[in-house]
Protein backbone atom coordinates (compact mmCIF):
# COMPACT_ATOMS: atom_id res chain seq x y z
CA UNK A 1 -0.19 -0.17 -0.26
CA UNK A 2 1.49 3.54 -0.84
CA UNK A 3 0.15 6.57 0.90
CA UNK A 4 1.76 9.90 -0.48
CA UNK A 5 4.10 7.97 -3.08
CA UNK A 6 5.69 6.38 0.28
CA UNK A 7 5.15 2.31 -0.09
CA UNK A 8 3.87 1.33 3.59
CA UNK A 9 5.58 -2.14 3.30
CA UNK A 10 8.66 -1.02 3.03
CA UNK A 11 8.71 1.67 6.13
CA UNK A 12 7.02 -1.48 8.08
CA UNK A 13 9.96 -3.71 6.96
CA UNK A 14 12.32 -1.22 8.00
CA UNK A 15 10.73 -0.79 11.55
CA UNK A 16 11.91 -4.01 12.59
CA UNK A 17 15.62 -2.59 12.45
CA UNK A 18 15.12 0.86 13.71
CA UNK A 19 16.80 1.17 17.07
CA UNK A 20 14.79 4.41 18.18
CA UNK A 21 11.29 2.33 18.64
CA UNK A 22 10.39 3.87 21.73
CA UNK A 23 11.10 7.53 20.59
CA UNK A 24 9.46 6.60 17.41
CA UNK A 25 6.30 5.55 19.42
CA UNK A 26 6.14 8.65 21.20
CA UNK A 27 6.34 10.85 18.51
CA UNK A 28 3.36 9.14 16.43
CA UNK A 29 1.66 8.67 19.45
CA UNK A 30 2.27 12.66 20.25
CA UNK A 31 0.38 13.49 16.51
CA UNK A 32 -2.52 11.00 17.47
CA UNK A 33 -2.86 13.16 20.83
CA UNK A 34 -2.85 16.69 19.05
CA UNK A 35 -4.80 16.01 16.10
CA UNK A 36 -8.00 17.41 15.20
CA UNK A 37 -9.19 14.54 13.42
CA UNK A 38 -9.90 12.42 15.88
CA UNK A 39 -12.79 10.42 13.98
CA UNK A 40 -9.81 7.88 12.85
CA UNK A 41 -8.93 6.72 16.12
CA UNK A 42 -11.72 4.52 17.02
CA UNK A 43 -12.74 3.88 20.70
CA UNK A 44 -10.98 0.40 20.82
CA UNK A 45 -7.55 1.65 19.07
CA UNK A 46 -7.73 4.31 21.89
CA UNK A 47 -8.62 1.61 24.75
CA UNK A 48 -5.68 -0.50 22.91
CA UNK A 49 -2.93 2.70 23.04
CA UNK A 50 -3.86 3.14 26.43
CA UNK A 51 -3.52 -0.25 27.75
CA UNK A 52 -0.28 -0.16 25.65
CA UNK A 53 0.91 2.91 26.83
CA UNK A 54 0.26 1.66 30.92
CA UNK A 55 2.04 -2.01 29.50
CA UNK A 56 4.87 -0.03 27.90
CA UNK A 57 4.84 -1.57 24.89
CA UNK A 58 4.50 1.40 22.67
CA UNK A 59 7.06 0.24 21.13
CA UNK A 60 6.26 -3.54 20.40
CA UNK A 61 5.87 -4.09 16.75
CA UNK A 62 2.03 -4.34 16.04
CA UNK A 63 1.98 -1.24 18.56
CA UNK A 64 4.12 0.61 15.78
CA UNK A 65 1.95 -0.62 13.25
CA UNK A 66 -0.96 0.65 14.70
CA UNK A 67 0.45 3.86 15.65
CA UNK A 68 1.98 4.44 12.51
CA UNK A 69 -1.62 3.41 10.64
CA UNK A 70 -3.83 5.64 12.39
CA UNK A 71 -1.17 8.76 12.39
CA UNK A 72 -1.13 8.44 8.97
CA UNK A 73 -4.93 8.26 8.76
CA UNK A 74 -4.60 11.55 11.05
CA UNK A 75 -1.86 13.70 9.90
CA UNK A 76 0.02 12.16 7.04
CA UNK A 77 2.14 15.31 6.26
CA UNK A 78 3.14 15.30 9.94
CA UNK A 79 3.80 11.91 9.69
CA UNK A 80 5.63 11.55 6.89
CA UNK A 81 8.05 14.64 8.52
CA UNK A 82 8.29 12.11 11.13
CA UNK A 83 9.49 8.99 9.20
CA UNK A 84 11.74 10.79 7.45
CA UNK A 85 13.13 12.02 10.48
CA UNK A 86 14.28 8.48 11.29
CA UNK A 87 15.08 7.54 8.22
CA UNK A 88 12.73 5.60 7.09
CA UNK A 89 11.06 7.33 4.03
CA UNK A 90 13.36 9.42 1.81
CA UNK A 91 12.74 13.03 1.01
CA UNK A 92 10.49 13.38 -1.90
């Protein structure tokens, strides 16, 4: 799947080797907590994020993929900027 010219499959495979997973998770969560597009975060997804936060598992592979998917839906440009900052996508 591609979003804004970015191959999400490639990004998700690069997540596995990323060293700063916790920082990326925090930055993606920040995007979701500050977005005006709340409708993309279902109550179930919000509850799952809270559970993962409490369990300190936001940097797990499944959590990162959920955060990535939701933040791309809510704020694609901000998300791509964060991904570029972590070297997960190249500059346009």
